[in-house]
Amino acid sequence: MLVLGIESTCDETACAVVKEGKEILSNVISSQIDIHKEYGGVVPELACRRHVDLIIPVLKQALEDAQVTLEEIDLIAVAHGPGLIGALLIGLNTAKALALANQKPLIGINHIEAHLYAALMSATAPVVFPCLGVLLSGGHTALVLIKEIGHYELIGQTIDDAIGEAFDKVARMLDLPYPGGPQIEKLAKEGNSQKYLFKPGTVKGQPYNFSFSGLKTAILYRLRDIKEAGEMNEQVKKDCAASFQSTAFNDIIKKTLLAVEKYQIQTILFGGGVTNSQTLRQMFQEKVPHINCIWPSVGLSLDNAAMIAGLGYHRYLKHGADSLDLEPLIRIPFNSLEKP
């Protein structure tokens, strides 16, 4: 089965062709970072206008790279949420038009669930379930027990900022460009992670939940005090970046290990753009060498359409096609992932 995937939830316009849910024949991604970086974040209207310009060229490139035609496509999978409403509509309406014009079945995919599936596409050996999903992105931070593809149990999530959002905001405080994660990681390499002892957020009675708002505020106040004392310089920024990154990542690792111990997990699947951090990967390797950590491969950690197509294959086999009345959803509650 050949599945065409379409992704337009935020600021990446992407199309891909995947065979049998795993073999990636093409994966074309057009990023909008250059457009949004001067604003320090994604501007929805600009993102939507760019999606309109790119969706057809990206689609054509994906088919060309895969050396297939629309007639040879068996299924069209599209991310229908969560995301920016205008951006979602562009991808979803494109998918509906293609499905209607070419008489192909259509299936809507939960973008969050697809991020977890991306690691499965990268696995070099069969994955034994249950395993733990660690989702770290600009919009989401969560720990999910994966019982099988399509059957999940939410263990913990952020109660305020997502980790990627926190990185972007701290980067702005340090006068670093968007997106913040790679910039902070680069700066932190030359900093002292023990210089400033920030505390990670805790949620009373919910040991698997995250909170990054307090950490972000603590850094804001520390930087304010340093500036008022006239002590701000490049080394201070490097130390602050390193201290923040270390605190945030150690918090992720600590709560992940709590879940691993409770549920007797042997395999962790990572998903979301923050998992692209080489620092995070190294820290996990050092602290959990006994656990099989599966990271998304190059091209699958950030938003992409291959993960949409890959998951679409499995959901279609299990549930069949969706109606052309399928609507975009700006939010999809995590508890919806719990349904088998």
Protein backbone atom coordinates (compact mmCIF):
# COMPACT_ATOMS: atom_id res chain seq x y z
CA MET A 1 0.00 0.00 0.00
CA LEU A 2 1.28 3.44 -0.97
CA VAL A 3 0.20 6.25 1.34
CA LEU A 4 0.50 9.97 0.55
CA GLY A 5 0.95 11.99 3.73
CA ILE A 6 0.25 15.72 4.11
CA GLU A 7 1.39 17.83 7.09
CA SER A 8 0.61 21.54 7.62
CA THR A 9 -0.12 21.89 11.33
CA CYS A 10 2.21 24.84 11.99
CA ASP A 11 5.13 26.26 9.98
CA GLU A 12 6.30 23.27 7.94
CA THR A 13 4.66 22.38 4.65
CA ALA A 14 5.35 18.70 4.06
CA CYS A 15 4.31 15.83 1.81
CA ALA A 16 5.61 12.26 1.73
CA VAL A 17 5.00 8.88 0.16
CA VAL A 18 5.38 5.83 2.41
CA LYS A 19 5.02 2.16 1.50
CA GLU A 20 3.45 -0.28 3.96
CA GLY A 21 3.73 2.18 6.85
CA LYS A 22 7.53 2.04 7.10
CA GLU A 23 9.44 2.39 3.82
CA ILE A 24 9.87 6.09 3.06
CA LEU A 25 9.92 6.70 -0.68
CA SER A 26 9.94 10.49 -0.31
CA ASN A 27 9.76 13.03 2.50
CA VAL A 28 9.71 16.65 1.35
CA ILE A 29 9.68 19.38 4.01
CA SER A 30 9.64 23.12 3.40
CA SER A 31 10.39 25.08 6.58
CA GLN A 32 9.38 28.67 7.28
CA ILE A 33 12.02 29.48 9.91
CA ASP A 34 13.48 32.31 7.83
CA ILE A 35 10.07 34.00 7.72
CA HIS A 36 9.26 33.75 11.42
CA LYS A 37 12.64 34.19 13.10
CA GLU A 38 12.51 37.99 12.96
CA TYR A 39 9.32 37.84 15.06
CA GLY A 40 10.71 35.38 17.60
CA GLY A 41 7.98 32.83 16.88
CA VAL A 42 5.38 31.65 14.39
CA VAL A 43 3.01 34.28 13.00
CA PRO A 44 -0.14 32.33 12.02
CA GLU A 45 -1.21 34.53 9.11
CA LEU A 46 2.24 34.44 7.53
CA ALA A 47 2.40 30.69 8.05
CA CYS A 48 -0.93 30.18 6.28
CA ARG A 49 0.01 32.36 3.33
CA ARG A 50 3.21 30.39 2.90
CA HIS A 51 1.37 27.06 3.08
CA VAL A 52 -0.87 28.22 0.22
CA ASP A 53 2.19 29.01 -1.89
CA LEU A 54 4.02 25.77 -1.10
CA ILE A 55 1.49 22.97 -0.77
CA ILE A 56 1.20 22.10 -4.48
CA PRO A 57 4.95 22.41 -5.32
CA VAL A 58 5.82 20.28 -2.26
CA LEU A 59 3.19 17.71 -3.25
CA LYS A 60 4.55 17.47 -6.78
CA GLN A 61 8.11 17.12 -5.48
CA ALA A 62 7.11 14.31 -3.12
CA LEU A 63 5.46 12.35 -5.93
CA GLU A 64 8.42 12.98 -8.22
CA ASP A 65 10.96 11.89 -5.59
CA ALA A 66 8.96 8.72 -4.92
CA GLN A 67 8.61 8.11 -8.67
CA VAL A 68 4.88 7.48 -8.37
CA THR A 69 1.74 9.14 -9.71
CA LEU A 70 -1.42 10.10 -7.88
CA GLU A 71 -3.17 7.21 -9.63
CA GLU A 72 -0.78 4.79 -7.89
CA ILE A 73 -1.49 6.20 -4.42
CA ASP A 74 -3.78 3.94 -2.36
CA LEU A 75 -4.54 6.20 0.59
CA ILE A 76 -4.27 9.88 1.50
CA ALA A 77 -3.40 10.63 5.13
CA VAL A 78 -3.49 14.18 6.49
CA ALA A 79 -2.76 15.78 9.85
CA HIS A 80 -6.11 17.21 10.96
CA GLY A 81 -4.93 18.42 14.36
CA PRO A 82 -3.82 19.72 16.71
CA GLY A 83 -2.38 22.89 15.20
CA LEU A 84 -3.12 26.34 13.79
CA ILE A 85 -6.65 26.36 12.36
CA GLY A 86 -5.75 28.15 9.12
CA ALA A 87 -2.72 25.98 8.50
CA LEU A 88 -4.70 22.80 9.19
CA LEU A 89 -7.43 23.85 6.76
CA ILE A 90 -4.94 24.25 3.92
CA GLY A 91 -3.54 20.75 4.31
CA LEU A 92 -6.90 19.15 5.04
CA ASN A 93 -8.70 20.78 2.11
CA THR A 94 -5.85 19.82 -0.20
CA ALA A 95 -6.15 16.21 0.97
CA LYS A 96 -9.94 16.23 0.55
CA ALA A 97 -9.68 17.64 -2.96
CA LEU A 98 -7.14 14.99 -3.95
CA ALA A 99 -9.24 12.22 -2.42
CA LEU A 100 -12.41 13.40 -4.13
CA ALA A 101 -10.84 14.04 -7.54
CA ASN A 102 -8.91 10.76 -7.59
CA GLN A 103 -11.46 8.62 -5.72
CA LYS A 104 -8.99 7.70 -2.99
CA PRO A 105 -9.78 6.96 0.67
CA LEU A 106 -8.93 9.70 3.17
CA ILE A 107 -7.83 9.37 6.78
CA GLY A 108 -7.16 12.08 9.35
CA ILE A 109 -4.17 11.69 11.64
CA ASN A 110 -3.46 13.07 15.11
CA HIS A 111 -0.20 14.97 14.71
CA ILE A 112 0.84 14.17 18.30
CA GLU A 113 0.33 10.44 17.86
CA ALA A 114 2.32 10.61 14.62
CA HIS A 115 5.33 12.07 16.45
CA LEU A 116 5.40 8.98 18.64
CA TYR A 117 5.07 6.74 15.60
CA ALA A 118 8.06 8.50 13.97
CA ALA A 119 10.43 6.66 16.31
CA LEU A 120 8.87 3.33 15.34
CA MET A 121 9.64 4.15 11.70
CA SER A 122 13.27 4.67 12.74
CA ALA A 123 13.58 1.43 14.72
CA THR A 124 16.04 -1.07 13.22
CA ALA A 125 14.54 -4.03 15.09
CA PRO A 126 11.00 -5.03 16.12
CA VAL A 127 9.76 -3.07 19.15
CA VAL A 128 8.31 -5.01 22.06
CA PHE A 129 5.24 -3.43 23.62
CA PRO A 130 4.40 -1.92 26.01
CA CYS A 131 6.96 0.87 25.79
CA LEU A 132 7.14 4.47 26.95
CA GLY A 133 6.62 7.41 24.62
CA VAL A 134 8.38 10.68 25.49
CA LEU A 135 6.94 13.56 23.49
CA LEU A 136 8.97 16.78 23.55
CA SER A 137 8.03 19.58 21.18
CA GLY A 138 7.20 23.26 20.94
CA GLY A 139 3.57 22.62 21.79
CA HIS A 140 3.59 19.45 23.85
CA THR A 141 5.45 17.68 26.63
CA ALA A 142 4.10 14.31 27.73
CA LEU A 143 4.86 10.79 28.89
CA VAL A 144 2.66 8.18 27.23
CA LEU A 145 2.44 4.43 27.86
CA ILE A 146 2.26 2.85 24.40
CA LYS A 147 0.48 -0.51 24.67
CA GLU A 148 0.41 -0.97 20.89
CA ILE A 149 0.06 1.28 17.86
CA GLY A 150 -3.16 3.17 18.40
CA HIS A 151 -3.57 2.21 22.07
CA TYR A 152 -2.10 4.63 24.60
CA GLU A 153 -2.35 5.73 28.20
CA LEU A 154 -1.35 9.24 29.20
CA ILE A 155 0.98 9.16 32.22
CA GLY A 156 2.01 12.79 32.57
CA GLN A 157 2.09 16.10 30.72
CA THR A 158 3.00 19.74 31.18
CA ILE A 159 0.52 21.87 33.08
CA ASP A 160 1.77 25.10 31.48
CA ASP A 161 4.57 25.69 28.95
CA ALA A 162 5.79 22.90 26.70
CA ILE A 163 9.54 22.37 26.84
CA GLY A 164 10.11 23.67 23.31
CA GLU A 165 8.06 26.77 24.10
CA ALA A 166 10.18 27.34 27.22
CA PHE A 167 13.37 27.09 25.17
CA ASP A 168 12.05 29.67 22.70
CA LYS A 169 11.11 32.10 25.48
CA VAL A 170 14.42 31.74 27.31
CA ALA A 171 16.26 32.20 24.00
CA ARG A 172 14.40 35.49 23.56
CA MET A 173 15.54 36.59 27.04
CA LEU A 174 19.11 35.86 25.95
CA ASP A 175 18.66 37.77 22.67
CA LEU A 176 18.99 34.58 20.64
CA PRO A 177 17.14 34.00 17.37
CA TYR A 178 14.17 31.66 16.82
CA PRO A 179 13.94 28.70 17.12
CA GLY A 180 15.47 28.73 20.58
CA GLY A 181 16.43 25.10 21.18
CA PRO A 182 19.38 24.82 18.76
CA GLN A 183 20.62 28.29 19.73
CA ILE A 184 20.61 27.53 23.45
CA GLU A 185 22.29 24.17 22.87
CA LYS A 186 25.04 25.86 20.87
CA LEU A 187 25.58 28.56 23.51
CA ALA A 188 25.44 26.07 26.38
CA LYS A 189 28.41 24.11 25.04
CA GLU A 190 30.67 26.92 26.23
CA GLY A 191 28.85 27.50 29.52
CA ASN A 192 28.97 26.15 33.07
CA SER A 193 25.75 24.22 33.77
CA GLN A 194 26.40 24.45 37.54
CA LYS A 195 26.85 28.22 37.61
CA TYR A 196 23.18 28.95 38.35
CA LEU A 197 21.23 26.39 40.37
CA PHE A 198 17.71 26.65 39.00
CA LYS A 199 14.97 24.35 40.31
CA PRO A 200 12.71 22.34 37.99
CA GLY A 201 8.97 22.69 38.38
CA THR A 202 7.05 20.13 40.42
CA VAL A 203 3.33 19.39 40.53
CA LYS A 204 2.00 18.34 43.92
CA GLY A 205 0.63 14.82 43.91
CA GLN A 206 1.46 14.35 40.21
CA PRO A 207 5.06 13.11 39.97
CA TYR A 208 4.94 12.54 36.20
CA ASN A 209 3.67 16.01 35.29
CA PHE A 210 5.88 18.88 34.16
CA SER A 211 5.90 22.61 34.76
CA PHE A 212 8.36 24.94 33.03
CA SER A 213 6.73 28.28 33.77
CA GLY A 214 8.48 28.72 37.13
CA LEU A 215 11.86 27.80 35.69
CA LYS A 216 11.38 30.32 32.91
CA THR A 217 10.41 33.02 35.42
CA ALA A 218 13.43 32.25 37.64
CA ILE A 219 15.73 32.81 34.66
CA LEU A 220 13.94 36.06 33.81
CA TYR A 221 14.52 37.41 37.35
CA ARG A 222 18.13 36.20 37.45
CA LEU A 223 18.91 37.94 34.16
CA ARG A 224 17.18 41.09 35.39
CA ASP A 225 19.31 41.15 38.54
CA ILE A 226 22.49 40.55 36.55
CA LYS A 227 21.66 43.39 34.15
CA GLU A 228 20.81 45.78 36.99
CA ALA A 229 24.18 44.96 38.60
CA GLY A 230 25.93 45.72 35.31
CA GLU A 231 27.41 42.24 35.16
CA MET A 232 25.90 41.03 31.90
CA ASN A 233 28.38 39.63 29.36
CA GLU A 234 28.65 36.76 26.88
CA GLN A 235 29.95 34.28 29.44
CA VAL A 236 26.98 34.99 31.70
CA LYS A 237 24.66 34.19 28.78
CA LYS A 238 26.53 30.95 28.11
CA ASP A 239 26.35 29.91 31.77
CA CYS A 240 22.67 30.80 31.97
CA ALA A 241 21.89 28.82 28.80
CA ALA A 242 23.81 25.81 30.09
CA SER A 243 22.16 25.96 33.52
CA PHE A 244 18.66 26.25 32.06
CA GLN A 245 19.21 23.44 29.55
CA SER A 246 20.67 21.15 32.21
CA THR A 247 17.79 21.79 34.61
CA ALA A 248 15.10 21.24 31.98
CA PHE A 249 16.64 18.09 30.53
CA ASN A 250 17.42 16.55 33.93
CA ASP A 251 13.78 17.08 34.88
CA ILE A 252 12.69 15.22 31.74
CA ILE A 253 15.09 12.37 32.49
CA LYS A 254 14.11 12.11 36.17
CA LYS A 255 10.38 11.82 35.46
CA THR A 256 10.96 9.49 32.53
CA LEU A 257 12.93 7.16 34.81
CA LEU A 258 10.14 7.24 37.39
CA ALA A 259 7.73 6.03 34.71
CA VAL A 260 10.21 3.42 33.45
CA GLU A 261 10.53 1.99 36.94
CA LYS A 262 6.80 1.98 37.71
CA TYR A 263 5.73 0.36 34.44
CA GLN A 264 8.80 -1.90 34.07
CA ILE A 265 9.64 -0.45 30.66
CA GLN A 266 12.49 -1.75 28.51
CA THR A 267 12.07 0.57 25.51
CA ILE A 268 11.56 4.33 25.22
CA LEU A 269 10.30 5.98 22.01
CA PHE A 270 11.07 9.68 21.59
CA GLY A 271 9.12 12.12 19.44
CA GLY A 272 9.00 15.85 18.74
CA GLY A 273 11.45 18.51 17.65
CA VAL A 274 13.23 18.85 21.00
CA THR A 275 14.43 15.24 20.67
CA ASN A 276 16.69 16.50 17.91
CA SER A 277 18.98 17.86 20.66
CA GLN A 278 22.26 15.97 20.71
CA THR A 279 22.80 17.07 24.31
CA LEU A 280 19.54 15.44 25.39
CA ARG A 281 20.41 12.23 23.56
CA GLN A 282 23.82 12.09 25.19
CA MET A 283 22.35 12.69 28.65
CA PHE A 284 19.87 9.85 28.23
CA GLN A 285 22.61 7.56 26.95
CA GLU A 286 24.72 8.30 30.03
CA LYS A 287 21.91 7.97 32.57
CA VAL A 288 19.89 5.05 31.15
CA PRO A 289 22.39 2.83 29.28
CA HIS A 290 20.32 -0.25 30.18
CA ILE A 291 17.19 1.02 28.39
CA ASN A 292 16.61 0.73 24.65
CA CYS A 293 16.16 4.37 23.57
CA ILE A 294 14.78 4.80 20.05
CA TRP A 295 15.12 8.29 18.61
CA PRO A 296 13.53 9.57 15.40
CA SER A 297 16.00 9.57 12.53
CA VAL A 298 17.05 12.62 10.52
CA GLY A 299 13.97 14.16 8.91
CA LEU A 300 11.52 12.55 11.34
CA SER A 301 12.12 14.52 14.55
CA LEU A 302 10.66 17.81 13.32
CA ASP A 303 7.21 18.11 11.74
CA ASN A 304 7.07 15.92 8.63
CA ALA A 305 4.60 14.06 6.45
CA ALA A 306 6.31 10.65 6.49
CA MET A 307 5.13 10.06 10.04
CA ILE A 308 1.59 11.08 8.98
CA ALA A 309 1.62 8.62 6.08
CA GLY A 310 3.20 5.86 8.15
CA LEU A 311 0.64 6.07 10.94
CA GLY A 312 -2.13 6.53 8.38
CA TYR A 313 -1.38 3.06 7.00
CA HIS A 314 -1.96 1.41 10.39
CA ARG A 315 -5.04 3.42 11.32
CA TYR A 316 -6.64 2.73 7.94
CA LEU A 317 -6.12 -1.03 8.29
CA LYS A 318 -7.66 -0.92 11.76
CA HIS A 319 -10.45 1.65 11.40
CA GLY A 320 -11.02 2.25 7.70
CA ALA A 321 -11.35 5.59 5.93
CA ASP A 322 -12.74 8.86 7.29
CA SER A 323 -15.54 10.87 5.78
CA LEU A 324 -14.89 13.91 3.62
CA ASP A 325 -16.71 15.80 6.39
CA LEU A 326 -13.56 15.45 8.52
CA GLU A 327 -12.92 18.70 10.39
CA PRO A 328 -9.65 20.30 11.57
CA LEU A 329 -9.08 20.34 15.32
CA ILE A 330 -6.89 22.99 16.91
CA ARG A 331 -6.76 20.86 20.07
CA ILE A 332 -7.01 17.14 20.55
CA PRO A 333 -7.13 16.11 24.22
CA PHE A 334 -4.46 13.61 25.19
CA ASN A 335 -7.12 11.34 26.66
CA SER A 336 -8.34 10.74 23.11
CA LEU A 337 -5.10 8.83 22.57
CA GLU A 338 -6.17 6.31 25.18
CA LYS A 339 -8.83 4.74 22.97
CA PRO A 340 -7.69 1.55 21.21
